[in-house]
C-alpha cells in the first residue's frame, strides 16, 4: 500500500485517477489545490455530480474523507518541502495542474513523482494539448493520455504508460473526456502499480523530440479570412469539442457560434449583422449565416454530458459508487 499526495484541478480525469488509486488499496494523505476559487475547496453543488457522484472529484474526495488543502503557488511556497514531508506520503501525483513542481519537492519522493498529461507525449506538451491538436488536425494521431515521471521540465519526464484515445471514436466532447479519464484510471490500476513495485521501467523521452503547443486566443476565434469549406471543417473538427467564437467588432465581446446555418450568397462587404439567433457575416468568398449559442443548445449540451456519464457508468460497471 502506498500513501499519495495529489496536486490536482477539479476534472473528470482527477476523479477517475483518485478513485482508481483508492480502489487499488492505496491511501491519500492530502490533496493540494493552488487555486483559491477551485470547486475542490467548496461544498459539492453540481447537478451532474449529484446524479453521478463517481465522476465528481469533490464528492469522490468527500466520500473518502480526504483533506483538501489550499496552498500558495509551489515555486513561491517556502515551506512546501516541509509540508510535503509532513504528510507522510511516499508518492506524488499531479493531475492537470498548471503548477510546476520544484526540485525541492520532487526530491522528497525519490523517483515516485508522477504526472498525467492529456496527449501522447512527447507530442503536444504544454497547457492546452487537446485544443492544439484539434486545431492542427492531428487529434486522432496524438489524442490520449500519458502517465510520466515528473521533472522540473514541462511534460518532459520518462514515460511510464500511455493510452490512445482518438476523438473520432467519441460521440462528443464529453465522451472523449471519459475515454481519456478511463485511460488514466486504467494506467493507475495496471502500470502504475508495477512501476512503484520496480517491475516496470519508465522510458526516457528523446531530447529534442516531440512538440510544445501553446494555443493563442486568436486561434480560438473564427475570422472572415476562412473559406466556407475551412469554416465548416473547423466546426466539424473542433467545434463539437470546444466552443468557437466570432469577433463581431473590435472592442466588443465575441459571440459564441455553434455551426454554419446556411450560405446566403457571395460576400457583400456589409458589416456583421447580429440577431437573436444568428450572425450574418462575410467570409472569404461568401456571406453566411452562423447559428448562435442558444438556450436549446445549452440544454442539448447538458443532455449530452449526462448521457456520456450514464454510458460510462454502465461501461465501468458502477452504479453511483
Protein backbone atom coordinates (compact mmCIF):
# COMPACT_ATOMS: atom_id res chain seq x y z
CA UNK A 1 0.00 0.00 0.00
CA UNK A 2 1.21 3.47 -0.90
CA UNK A 3 0.30 6.86 0.52
CA UNK A 4 -0.19 9.58 -2.03
CA UNK A 5 -0.02 13.36 -2.10
CA UNK A 6 -2.07 14.68 -5.00
CA UNK A 7 -1.90 18.12 -6.63
CA UNK A 8 -4.86 18.46 -8.95
CA UNK A 9 -7.52 20.51 -10.69
CA UNK A 10 -11.22 19.60 -10.38
CA UNK A 11 -11.60 17.50 -13.53
CA UNK A 12 -13.13 14.21 -14.57
CA UNK A 13 -9.62 12.80 -15.02
CA UNK A 14 -8.89 13.73 -11.40
CA UNK A 15 -11.99 11.88 -10.19
CA UNK A 16 -11.12 8.72 -12.12
CA UNK A 17 -7.44 8.72 -11.11
CA UNK A 18 -8.30 9.23 -7.44
CA UNK A 19 -10.97 6.51 -7.48
CA UNK A 20 -8.58 4.01 -9.08
CA UNK A 21 -5.78 4.92 -6.68
CA UNK A 22 -8.05 4.28 -3.70
CA UNK A 23 -9.60 1.25 -5.38
CA UNK A 24 -6.20 -0.47 -5.65
CA UNK A 25 -5.80 -0.29 -1.87
CA UNK A 26 -3.77 2.89 -1.57
CA UNK A 27 -4.28 5.96 0.61
CA UNK A 28 -4.35 9.69 0.01
CA UNK A 29 -2.60 11.82 2.60
CA UNK A 30 -3.81 15.16 1.23
CA UNK A 31 -4.89 16.88 -1.94
CA UNK A 32 -3.24 20.22 -2.57
CA UNK A 33 -5.00 22.92 -4.53
CA UNK A 34 -3.35 26.20 -5.56
CA UNK A 35 -6.43 27.96 -7.00
CA UNK A 36 -8.37 29.90 -4.30
CA UNK A 37 -11.69 29.66 -6.19
CA UNK A 38 -11.38 25.96 -7.03
CA UNK A 39 -14.51 23.80 -6.54
CA UNK A 40 -12.23 21.38 -4.66
CA UNK A 41 -12.25 23.87 -1.78
CA UNK A 42 -16.04 24.25 -1.70
CA UNK A 43 -19.02 22.02 -0.87
CA UNK A 44 -20.24 19.93 -3.83
CA UNK A 45 -23.10 21.56 -5.71
CA UNK A 46 -23.23 20.38 -9.33
CA UNK A 47 -26.36 18.62 -10.55
CA UNK A 48 -24.39 16.12 -12.61
CA UNK A 49 -22.25 15.31 -9.58
CA UNK A 50 -25.36 14.63 -7.54
CA UNK A 51 -26.59 12.15 -10.16
CA UNK A 52 -23.18 10.64 -10.93
CA UNK A 53 -21.01 11.27 -7.84
CA UNK A 54 -18.29 8.89 -9.03
CA UNK A 55 -17.38 11.41 -11.75
CA UNK A 56 -17.26 14.43 -9.42
CA UNK A 57 -13.83 14.85 -7.80
CA UNK A 58 -15.29 16.95 -4.98
CA UNK A 59 -17.69 14.17 -3.99
CA UNK A 60 -15.11 11.43 -4.50
CA UNK A 61 -12.76 13.17 -2.07
CA UNK A 62 -15.55 13.99 0.36
CA UNK A 63 -16.76 10.38 0.47
CA UNK A 64 -13.22 9.14 1.03
CA UNK A 65 -12.67 11.65 3.84
CA UNK A 66 -9.63 13.17 2.13
CA UNK A 67 -8.40 16.56 3.28
CA UNK A 68 -8.07 19.24 0.59
CA UNK A 69 -5.53 21.89 1.45
CA UNK A 70 -5.23 25.30 -0.15
CA UNK A 71 -1.63 26.24 -0.74
CA UNK A 72 0.23 29.06 -2.48
CA UNK A 73 1.96 28.54 -5.83
CA UNK A 74 4.56 25.85 -5.20
CA UNK A 75 7.52 27.80 -6.55
CA UNK A 76 6.80 30.61 -4.06
CA UNK A 77 5.94 28.46 -1.05
CA UNK A 78 8.96 28.43 1.23
CA UNK A 79 7.59 25.64 3.43
CA UNK A 80 6.42 23.36 0.60
CA UNK A 81 9.22 20.84 1.16
CA UNK A 82 8.49 20.57 4.86
CA UNK A 83 4.73 20.37 4.27
CA UNK A 84 5.19 17.56 1.75
CA UNK A 85 7.30 15.56 4.18
CA UNK A 86 4.79 16.15 6.99
CA UNK A 87 2.04 14.38 5.02
CA UNK A 88 3.92 11.08 5.23
CA UNK A 89 3.21 10.48 1.54
CA UNK A 90 5.62 8.32 -0.46
CA UNK A 91 4.06 9.02 -3.90
CA UNK A 92 3.31 12.39 -5.52
CA UNK A 93 0.74 12.60 -8.33
CA UNK A 94 -0.18 15.71 -10.28
CA UNK A 95 -3.31 15.78 -12.45
CA UNK A 96 -3.97 18.62 -14.90
CA UNK A 97 -2.40 21.30 -12.75
CA UNK A 98 -0.51 24.27 -14.17
CA UNK A 99 1.83 24.35 -11.17
CA UNK A 100 5.44 23.47 -11.87
CA UNK A 101 6.69 21.24 -9.06
CA UNK A 102 10.12 22.49 -7.90
CA UNK A 103 13.14 20.25 -7.38
CA UNK A 104 12.91 20.52 -3.60
CA UNK A 105 9.50 18.79 -3.56
CA UNK A 106 10.46 16.22 -6.19
CA UNK A 107 13.44 15.20 -4.05
CA UNK A 108 11.06 14.17 -1.25
CA UNK A 109 9.61 11.39 -3.41
CA UNK A 110 12.80 9.90 -4.89
CA UNK A 111 11.50 8.89 -8.33
CA UNK A 112 7.91 8.39 -7.20
CA UNK A 113 6.53 11.65 -8.58
CA UNK A 114 4.01 11.07 -11.38
CA UNK A 115 2.08 13.33 -13.75
CA UNK A 116 -0.93 12.67 -16.00
CA UNK A 117 -0.92 14.62 -19.28
CA UNK A 118 -3.77 14.51 -21.87
CA UNK A 119 -1.75 13.81 -25.02
CA UNK A 120 0.56 11.11 -26.31
CA UNK A 121 3.92 12.54 -25.29
CA UNK A 122 6.40 13.65 -26.41
CA UNK A 123 4.00 15.49 -28.71
CA UNK A 124 1.77 18.32 -27.51
CA UNK A 125 3.45 19.20 -24.27
CA UNK A 126 2.04 22.26 -22.56
CA UNK A 127 -1.18 23.62 -21.03
CA UNK A 128 -3.70 23.12 -23.89
CA UNK A 129 -2.76 19.97 -25.78
CA UNK A 130 -6.23 18.89 -26.85
CA UNK A 131 -7.23 22.26 -28.29
CA UNK A 132 -3.89 22.45 -30.08
CA UNK A 133 -4.13 19.02 -31.69
CA UNK A 134 -7.72 19.63 -32.78
CA UNK A 135 -6.77 22.93 -34.38
CA UNK A 136 -3.82 21.24 -36.08
CA UNK A 137 -5.98 18.37 -37.35
CA UNK A 138 -3.83 15.81 -35.51
CA UNK A 139 -6.07 14.76 -32.63
CA UNK A 140 -6.58 11.20 -33.85
CA UNK A 141 -2.81 10.83 -34.04
CA UNK A 142 -1.92 12.24 -30.64
CA UNK A 143 -5.18 12.14 -28.65
CA UNK A 144 -4.85 10.18 -25.43
CA UNK A 145 -3.21 10.35 -22.04
CA UNK A 146 0.33 9.80 -20.79
CA UNK A 147 1.49 8.85 -17.30
CA UNK A 148 5.07 10.01 -16.87
CA UNK A 149 7.67 10.81 -14.25
CA UNK A 150 7.67 14.38 -13.01
CA UNK A 151 10.69 16.55 -13.68
CA UNK A 152 11.32 20.27 -13.49
CA UNK A 153 10.77 20.47 -17.25
CA UNK A 154 7.26 20.76 -18.67
CA UNK A 155 5.96 17.27 -19.53
CA UNK A 156 9.50 16.05 -20.23
CA UNK A 157 9.80 13.14 -17.79
CA UNK A 158 10.23 9.48 -18.69
CA UNK A 159 7.06 7.80 -19.92
CA UNK A 160 5.58 5.04 -17.75
CA UNK A 161 2.48 4.26 -19.84
CA UNK A 162 0.09 5.69 -22.42
CA UNK A 163 -3.44 5.14 -23.67
CA UNK A 164 -4.54 6.19 -27.16
CA UNK A 165 -7.94 7.95 -27.26
CA UNK A 166 -8.78 9.26 -30.76
CA UNK A 167 -11.67 11.76 -30.76
CA UNK A 168 -13.07 10.21 -33.93
CA UNK A 169 -14.12 7.29 -31.72
CA UNK A 170 -16.05 9.60 -29.41
CA UNK A 171 -19.60 10.88 -29.86
CA UNK A 172 -18.77 14.34 -28.50
CA UNK A 173 -16.51 16.25 -26.14
CA UNK A 174 -17.95 14.60 -23.04
CA UNK A 175 -17.49 11.11 -24.44
CA UNK A 176 -13.89 11.97 -25.32
CA UNK A 177 -13.30 13.28 -21.78
CA UNK A 178 -14.49 9.95 -20.38
CA UNK A 179 -12.30 7.96 -22.76
CA UNK A 180 -9.24 9.88 -21.61
CA UNK A 181 -10.19 9.75 -17.93
CA UNK A 182 -10.78 5.98 -18.06
CA UNK A 183 -7.42 5.59 -19.78
CA UNK A 184 -5.76 7.41 -16.89
CA UNK A 185 -7.62 5.28 -14.34
CA UNK A 186 -6.59 2.08 -16.11
CA UNK A 187 -2.93 3.08 -16.01
CA UNK A 188 -3.24 3.66 -12.25
CA UNK A 189 -4.70 0.18 -11.85
CA UNK A 190 -2.09 -1.52 -14.03
CA UNK A 191 1.23 0.10 -14.97
CA UNK A 192 1.50 2.48 -12.00
CA UNK A 193 1.38 -0.36 -9.50
CA UNK A 194 4.07 -2.23 -11.46
CA UNK A 195 6.21 0.90 -11.72
CA UNK A 196 6.04 1.58 -7.98
CA UNK A 197 6.98 -2.02 -7.23
CA UNK A 198 10.00 -1.76 -9.52
CA UNK A 199 8.85 -4.31 -12.08
CA UNK A 200 8.28 -1.72 -14.85
CA UNK A 201 10.81 0.82 -16.07
CA UNK A 202 9.89 4.22 -17.48
CA UNK A 203 11.05 5.07 -21.00
CA UNK A 204 13.02 8.30 -21.38
CA UNK A 205 11.79 10.88 -23.90
CA UNK A 206 14.40 11.56 -26.56
CA UNK A 207 15.98 15.03 -26.21
CA UNK A 208 14.57 17.39 -28.81
CA UNK A 209 11.70 15.09 -29.71
CA UNK A 210 8.01 15.95 -29.75
CA UNK A 211 6.45 19.37 -29.57
CA UNK A 212 5.20 22.06 -27.22
CA UNK A 213 1.88 23.65 -28.19
CA UNK A 214 0.52 26.88 -26.80
CA UNK A 215 -2.90 27.98 -28.11
CA UNK A 216 -3.27 31.73 -28.54
CA UNK A 217 -6.65 33.44 -28.00
CA UNK A 218 -6.77 34.40 -31.67
CA UNK A 219 -6.62 30.73 -32.71
CA UNK A 220 -9.90 30.08 -30.93
CA UNK A 221 -11.58 32.84 -32.91
CA UNK A 222 -13.31 32.43 -36.26
CA UNK A 223 -12.43 35.14 -38.79
CA UNK A 224 -13.50 36.42 -42.19
CA UNK A 225 -10.31 35.02 -43.75
CA UNK A 226 -11.75 31.49 -43.65
CA UNK A 227 -13.40 29.96 -46.67
CA UNK A 228 -16.74 28.19 -46.33
CA UNK A 229 -15.00 24.82 -46.56
CA UNK A 230 -12.49 25.81 -43.89
CA UNK A 231 -15.23 27.19 -41.64
CA UNK A 232 -17.31 24.02 -41.87
CA UNK A 233 -14.22 21.91 -41.21
CA UNK A 234 -13.39 24.00 -38.13
CA UNK A 235 -16.88 23.41 -36.72
CA UNK A 236 -16.72 19.71 -37.59
CA UNK A 237 -13.24 19.04 -36.19
CA UNK A 238 -13.04 21.50 -33.31
CA UNK A 239 -16.48 22.97 -32.65
CA UNK A 240 -18.03 19.75 -31.38
CA UNK A 241 -15.35 19.59 -28.68
CA UNK A 242 -14.70 23.23 -27.77
CA UNK A 243 -16.71 26.44 -28.13
CA UNK A 244 -16.00 28.60 -31.18
CA UNK A 245 -16.46 32.37 -31.25
CA UNK A 246 -16.76 35.15 -33.81
CA UNK A 247 -15.33 38.59 -33.10
CA UNK A 248 -18.12 40.97 -34.11
CA UNK A 249 -16.21 44.26 -33.90
CA UNK A 250 -13.04 45.45 -32.22
CA UNK A 251 -13.66 46.07 -28.54
CA UNK A 252 -16.87 44.04 -28.46
CA UNK A 253 -17.30 40.71 -26.70
CA UNK A 254 -17.00 37.75 -29.10
CA UNK A 255 -20.22 35.85 -29.86
CA UNK A 256 -20.25 32.08 -29.41
CA UNK A 257 -21.50 30.26 -32.51
CA UNK A 258 -22.30 26.59 -32.99
CA UNK A 259 -22.46 25.90 -36.74
CA UNK A 260 -22.92 27.21 -40.25
CA UNK A 261 -26.67 27.50 -40.67
CA UNK A 262 -26.76 28.49 -44.34
CA UNK A 263 -24.88 30.11 -47.18
CA UNK A 264 -26.54 33.37 -48.22
CA UNK A 265 -24.52 34.06 -51.36
CA UNK A 266 -21.29 35.84 -52.30
CA UNK A 267 -19.54 38.19 -49.89
CA UNK A 268 -21.32 41.56 -49.72
CA UNK A 269 -18.85 43.85 -47.95
CA UNK A 270 -21.54 44.64 -45.38
CA UNK A 271 -20.80 44.61 -41.65
CA UNK A 272 -21.76 41.71 -39.42
CA UNK A 273 -25.48 41.55 -38.71
CA UNK A 274 -26.36 40.32 -35.22
CA UNK A 275 -29.81 38.92 -34.44
CA UNK A 276 -31.19 36.96 -31.52
CA UNK A 277 -30.41 33.58 -33.07
CA UNK A 278 -27.91 34.24 -35.86
CA UNK A 279 -24.89 36.15 -37.10
CA UNK A 280 -24.72 37.10 -40.77
CA UNK A 281 -21.07 37.55 -41.70
CA UNK A 282 -18.77 37.84 -44.69
CA UNK A 283 -16.10 35.18 -45.00
CA UNK A 284 -13.66 34.59 -47.85
CA UNK A 285 -15.83 34.46 -50.96
CA UNK A 286 -19.22 34.10 -49.27
CA UNK A 287 -21.84 35.58 -46.98
CA UNK A 288 -23.04 33.03 -44.40
CA UNK A 289 -25.46 32.77 -41.52
CA UNK A 290 -23.99 31.31 -38.32
CA UNK A 291 -26.13 29.83 -35.55
CA UNK A 292 -25.56 31.49 -32.20
CA UNK A 293 -25.39 29.59 -28.94
CA UNK A 294 -28.91 29.40 -27.54
CA UNK A 295 -30.83 28.08 -24.59
CA UNK A 296 -31.70 24.99 -26.65
CA UNK A 297 -28.04 24.35 -27.47
CA UNK A 298 -27.22 24.64 -23.77
CA UNK A 299 -29.92 22.07 -22.96
CA UNK A 300 -28.52 19.75 -25.61
CA UNK A 301 -25.09 20.16 -24.07
CA UNK A 302 -26.36 19.20 -20.61
CA UNK A 303 -28.17 16.17 -22.05
CA UNK A 304 -25.03 15.10 -23.92
CA UNK A 305 -22.95 15.39 -20.76
CA UNK A 306 -25.40 13.35 -18.68
CA UNK A 307 -25.73 10.76 -21.45
CA UNK A 308 -21.97 10.34 -21.57
CA UNK A 309 -21.86 9.89 -17.81
CA UNK A 310 -24.58 7.26 -17.95
CA UNK A 311 -22.81 5.43 -20.78
CA UNK A 312 -19.50 5.33 -18.94
CA UNK A 313 -21.13 4.43 -15.64
CA UNK A 314 -22.51 1.33 -17.33
CA UNK A 315 -19.25 0.62 -19.13
CA UNK A 316 -17.30 0.90 -15.88
CA UNK A 317 -19.83 -1.35 -14.12
CA UNK A 318 -20.58 1.22 -11.44
CA UNK A 319 -23.90 2.45 -10.15
CA UNK A 320 -23.28 5.69 -8.26
CA UNK A 321 -20.41 4.16 -6.34
